[in-house]
Structure formats: C-alpha cells, structure tokens
Amino acid sequence: MTKEFLITRPLHDEKMFYLYSFSKAIIQIAKENKKILLINLEGERANRKELESALNKHDKGLVYLNGHGDERTVFGHNDMPILDKDNIKITKNRILYALACSSLVELGQLAVENGAQAYIGYRDEFMWVVDPSKSAAPDKDRNAAPFRKVCHALISFLVNGEQVGTAVEKTKMEYKKLIKSYGTSEDDPFGDAPAIGLALSWDLLCLDAEGDKKAVF
C-alpha cells in the first residue's frame, strides 16, 4: 500500500534556503522508497492552494511543513499563510511535523481538535547557528550541520515507521548527544561552539507533540 508523504519547501529567503537544505536527504530517502508517494511542494509551489489541493486528494499520510511560523500559522512561499485555522481541517487523519517557529502552541492543538492524528513542532522559536561566509552554500555550513542532523533524524524516524512519541524522544536524545559535543570547545576561535550548544538546548526544550503519541506513518 502506497503512503502519501507531502513536504513543503519554500525558497524565498536565506532562512528558507537553509531549511530547504535540511530536507534534501529526506527527499532522496522518500524517492527511493517505492511504498511512498512523494509530493514535493517546493519554491513557488509551497502555497496554500497547492497544499489544499494535494491533501484533499488523499485521506491520510505524513505532512512535513518547512517555513516561517507563529503560534497560529505556518507560512509558505513569500511568507504567505499556508496553514491556519481557516484550512486546518485538511490535516484530518494526518501526522504533521512543522519545522516552523511556535506553531505547536495553538495551531498544533487546533489540528488535533480537527482530526489530525498528531502534530509535532516547536513551542517557541526554532533556532540554529550559521556561518555567514557559507550562507550561499548551506550544505557546507558546519555550524548548521547539527541542526540539519536533528531535523533529518526526526522526519527519518517517522518515515521509517516509528511512533510519533518514539520519534520525538529519539530526536531529543540526538539533541542531548549534540549538546555535549558543542557545549564548549577550547579550539574554537570564533566562539561558535557555545552558541550552537545554546541553540540546540533551546530547540530541545521547545520540541514537543500534540495528539496520539502512538500514531505511525
């Protein structure tokens, strides 16, 4: 049985350029899995109309939203709202992971109230650290590498059939391992390691889920 995996990948500013980079590996994994129907809404296609059209064609699946966010909204291309209270019903029967600041606070709960199986996200700002000299090539940015790793780990756990609660807890373990690695560094002349450790600690505190923790993709 084919399973639907939808991902939004805006690409209109530097921060979205990084999130786009973070999701490259999972795109490849999904493409290679013959049991997964991949719907990749990237660039200008990461918009409300395309999202609603795609989700209305299927009954359930996994939705991975990349974008800016606030407590009530996830944004898509050009920071236009892609998911909010007015179309939240399209998430019914689905598992969602929103790599978007703060959306778990209200939108996540609202999604579950409207029938979503589960909503994974962040209760406050999602933080990461970058090397400004690598902003044009985020794949090569070593500062961003640990944040790419945890984001990939979470969605990879879900794609590979882990329960929502297990995926979140395993990702938190990845955070903790990385925090120990990046907490301090005597040979870090630019002071990036403490900043990375702080941002990882913040994201660890903010990561959570609403809904059925036993739900499986």
Protein backbone atom coordinates (compact mmCIF):
# COMPACT_ATOMS: atom_id res chain seq x y z
CA MET A 1 0.00 0.00 0.00
CA THR A 2 1.38 3.38 -1.06
CA LYS A 3 1.71 6.03 1.66
CA GLU A 4 1.50 9.75 0.94
CA PHE A 5 4.37 11.93 2.15
CA LEU A 6 3.94 15.64 1.44
CA ILE A 7 6.64 18.21 2.05
CA THR A 8 6.63 22.00 1.61
CA ARG A 9 9.97 23.65 0.80
CA PRO A 10 9.79 27.44 0.34
CA LEU A 11 12.91 29.02 -1.09
CA HIS A 12 12.42 32.80 -0.93
CA ASP A 13 14.91 33.98 1.71
CA GLU A 14 18.11 32.91 3.45
CA LYS A 15 16.41 31.08 6.32
CA MET A 16 14.25 29.11 3.92
CA PHE A 17 17.36 28.34 1.89
CA TYR A 18 18.73 26.58 4.98
CA LEU A 19 15.53 24.65 5.71
CA TYR A 20 15.46 23.64 2.04
CA SER A 21 18.98 22.30 2.53
CA PHE A 22 17.99 20.48 5.73
CA SER A 23 15.35 18.48 3.85
CA LYS A 24 17.44 17.31 0.90
CA ALA A 25 18.43 13.97 2.39
CA ILE A 26 14.89 13.03 3.38
CA ILE A 27 13.68 13.84 -0.15
CA GLN A 28 16.15 11.31 -1.51
CA ILE A 29 15.06 8.67 1.02
CA ALA A 30 11.41 9.14 0.08
CA LYS A 31 12.19 8.95 -3.64
CA GLU A 32 13.96 5.63 -3.19
CA ASN A 33 11.10 4.07 -1.21
CA LYS A 34 8.61 2.55 -3.67
CA LYS A 35 5.96 2.41 -0.94
CA ILE A 36 5.94 6.21 -0.58
CA LEU A 37 4.13 8.68 -2.82
CA LEU A 38 6.22 11.84 -2.51
CA ILE A 39 4.54 15.21 -3.05
CA ASN A 40 7.26 17.84 -3.08
CA LEU A 41 5.85 21.39 -2.99
CA GLU A 42 8.98 23.46 -3.37
CA GLY A 43 9.66 27.08 -4.27
CA GLU A 44 6.56 28.86 -5.58
CA ARG A 45 4.55 25.62 -5.26
CA ALA A 46 4.77 25.84 -1.47
CA ASN A 47 1.50 27.73 -1.30
CA ARG A 48 -1.94 27.36 0.23
CA LYS A 49 -3.74 26.37 -2.98
CA GLU A 50 -1.26 23.59 -3.81
CA LEU A 51 -1.30 22.27 -0.25
CA GLU A 52 -5.07 22.14 -0.06
CA SER A 53 -5.36 20.55 -3.49
CA ALA A 54 -2.84 17.83 -2.65
CA LEU A 55 -4.30 16.96 0.76
CA ASN A 56 -7.88 16.92 -0.49
CA LYS A 57 -6.95 14.12 -2.90
CA HIS A 58 -5.88 11.70 -0.17
CA ASP A 59 -7.28 10.50 3.14
CA LYS A 60 -4.15 10.38 5.30
CA GLY A 61 -0.38 10.49 5.34
CA LEU A 62 2.63 12.39 6.64
CA VAL A 63 2.98 16.15 6.15
CA TYR A 64 6.32 17.90 6.66
CA LEU A 65 5.97 21.70 6.67
CA ASN A 66 9.06 23.89 6.32
CA GLY A 67 8.58 27.62 6.72
CA HIS A 68 8.30 30.61 8.97
CA GLY A 69 5.62 30.33 11.62
CA ASP A 70 3.88 31.80 14.60
CA GLU A 71 1.50 30.38 17.18
CA ARG A 72 -1.44 30.28 14.77
CA THR A 73 0.11 29.94 11.32
CA VAL A 74 2.65 28.16 9.15
CA PHE A 75 3.79 30.20 6.16
CA GLY A 76 4.84 29.13 2.69
CA HIS A 77 6.27 30.87 -0.37
CA ASN A 78 6.85 34.60 0.16
CA ASP A 79 5.60 34.22 3.75
CA MET A 80 2.00 33.77 2.68
CA PRO A 81 -0.12 31.68 5.10
CA ILE A 82 -0.23 28.06 4.03
CA LEU A 83 -1.90 26.51 7.10
CA ASP A 84 -4.03 28.24 9.73
CA LYS A 85 -7.40 27.96 11.48
CA ASP A 86 -9.31 28.53 8.22
CA ASN A 87 -7.98 25.41 6.48
CA ILE A 88 -6.78 23.30 9.41
CA LYS A 89 -9.47 20.68 8.66
CA ILE A 90 -7.36 19.42 5.73
CA THR A 91 -4.99 17.90 8.29
CA LYS A 92 -7.57 15.32 9.40
CA ASN A 93 -6.16 11.78 9.79
CA ARG A 94 -2.61 13.00 9.18
CA ILE A 95 0.65 13.19 11.08
CA LEU A 96 2.32 16.59 10.77
CA TYR A 97 5.81 17.81 11.52
CA ALA A 98 6.14 21.58 11.28
CA LEU A 99 9.67 22.94 11.19
CA ALA A 100 8.27 26.39 11.89
CA CYS A 101 8.60 28.64 14.90
CA SER A 102 5.95 28.40 17.63
CA SER A 103 3.17 26.74 15.62
CA LEU A 104 2.70 23.90 18.09
CA VAL A 105 1.32 26.32 20.70
CA GLU A 106 -2.11 26.88 19.14
CA LEU A 107 -2.13 25.52 15.60
CA GLY A 108 -0.91 22.10 16.70
CA GLN A 109 -3.66 21.76 19.27
CA LEU A 110 -6.23 23.03 16.78
CA ALA A 111 -5.09 20.47 14.21
CA VAL A 112 -5.61 17.63 16.66
CA GLU A 113 -9.02 19.01 17.65
CA ASN A 114 -9.94 18.91 13.95
CA GLY A 115 -8.92 15.30 13.48
CA ALA A 116 -5.17 15.26 12.87
CA GLN A 117 -3.54 12.17 14.33
CA ALA A 118 -0.60 14.13 15.70
CA TYR A 119 1.24 17.43 15.28
CA ILE A 120 4.95 17.67 16.01
CA GLY A 121 6.52 21.09 16.28
CA TYR A 122 8.07 23.76 18.45
CA ARG A 123 6.51 25.74 21.28
CA ASP A 124 8.71 28.74 20.57
CA GLU A 125 11.28 29.91 18.04
CA PHE A 126 13.32 27.24 16.26
CA MET A 127 16.93 28.37 16.45
CA TRP A 128 20.09 27.47 14.58
CA VAL A 129 23.54 28.95 14.11
CA VAL A 130 25.09 29.75 10.74
CA ASP A 131 28.47 30.67 9.34
CA PRO A 132 27.80 33.90 7.37
CA SER A 133 30.57 33.04 4.94
CA LYS A 134 28.65 29.91 3.93
CA SER A 135 25.17 31.46 3.55
CA ALA A 136 25.23 30.85 -0.20
CA ALA A 137 26.09 27.17 0.34
CA PRO A 138 24.23 25.95 3.46
CA ASP A 139 25.11 22.33 2.66
CA LYS A 140 28.72 23.24 3.51
CA ASP A 141 27.92 25.23 6.65
CA ARG A 142 29.44 23.30 9.56
CA ASN A 143 27.66 25.48 12.11
CA ALA A 144 24.29 24.45 10.68
CA ALA A 145 25.23 20.76 10.44
CA PRO A 146 23.96 19.67 13.90
CA PHE A 147 20.60 21.34 13.28
CA ARG A 148 20.33 19.64 9.91
CA LYS A 149 21.10 16.35 11.64
CA VAL A 150 18.32 16.57 14.23
CA CYS A 151 15.72 17.76 11.71
CA HIS A 152 16.60 14.90 9.41
CA ALA A 153 16.58 12.43 12.28
CA LEU A 154 13.04 13.28 13.34
CA ILE A 155 11.43 13.06 9.93
CA SER A 156 13.52 9.99 9.11
CA PHE A 157 12.23 8.21 12.23
CA LEU A 158 8.66 8.97 11.13
CA VAL A 159 9.21 7.88 7.53
CA ASN A 160 10.70 4.62 8.77
CA GLY A 161 7.62 3.78 10.83
CA GLU A 162 8.47 4.92 14.36
CA GLN A 163 5.58 6.02 16.57
CA VAL A 164 5.26 9.78 16.98
CA GLY A 165 6.22 9.68 20.66
CA THR A 166 9.21 7.44 19.97
CA ALA A 167 10.38 9.65 17.10
CA VAL A 168 10.26 12.73 19.32
CA GLU A 169 12.06 11.05 22.20
CA LYS A 170 14.78 9.61 19.95
CA THR A 171 15.28 13.06 18.42
CA LYS A 172 15.61 14.57 21.88
CA MET A 173 18.33 12.01 22.58
CA GLU A 174 20.11 13.19 19.41
CA TYR A 175 19.84 16.76 20.67
CA LYS A 176 21.39 15.79 24.01
CA LYS A 177 24.30 13.99 22.33
CA LEU A 178 25.00 17.02 20.16
CA ILE A 179 24.73 19.43 23.09
CA LYS A 180 27.51 17.52 24.86
CA SER A 181 29.65 17.81 21.73
CA TYR A 182 29.05 21.51 21.13
CA GLY A 183 28.76 22.83 24.69
CA THR A 184 32.35 24.08 24.92
CA SER A 185 35.44 23.97 22.78
CA GLU A 186 38.93 25.23 23.65
CA ASP A 187 39.99 25.26 20.00
CA ASP A 188 37.02 27.27 18.70
CA PRO A 189 38.49 30.72 17.90
CA PHE A 190 35.21 32.19 16.68
CA GLY A 191 33.07 31.22 19.68
CA ASP A 192 30.59 29.24 17.58
CA ALA A 193 30.52 26.08 19.72
CA PRO A 194 28.87 27.67 22.81
CA ALA A 195 26.29 29.39 20.58
CA ILE A 196 25.50 26.08 18.87
CA GLY A 197 25.14 24.36 22.23
CA LEU A 198 22.78 27.08 23.46
CA ALA A 199 20.61 26.93 20.32
CA LEU A 200 20.43 23.13 20.47
CA SER A 201 19.41 23.32 24.15
CA TRP A 202 16.67 25.80 23.29
CA ASP A 203 15.30 23.66 20.46
CA LEU A 204 15.36 20.61 22.72
CA LEU A 205 13.16 22.42 25.24
CA CYS A 206 10.74 23.63 22.56
CA LEU A 207 10.28 20.36 20.63
CA ASP A 208 7.05 18.55 21.51
CA ALA A 209 3.95 16.93 20.05
CA GLU A 210 0.18 17.08 20.38
CA GLY A 211 -2.19 14.22 19.69
CA ASP A 212 -1.74 10.46 19.53
CA LYS A 213 1.84 9.65 20.51
CA LYS A 214 1.36 6.11 19.20
CA ALA A 215 0.39 7.22 15.69
CA VAL A 216 2.50 5.71 12.90
CA PHE A 217 3.01 6.78 9.28
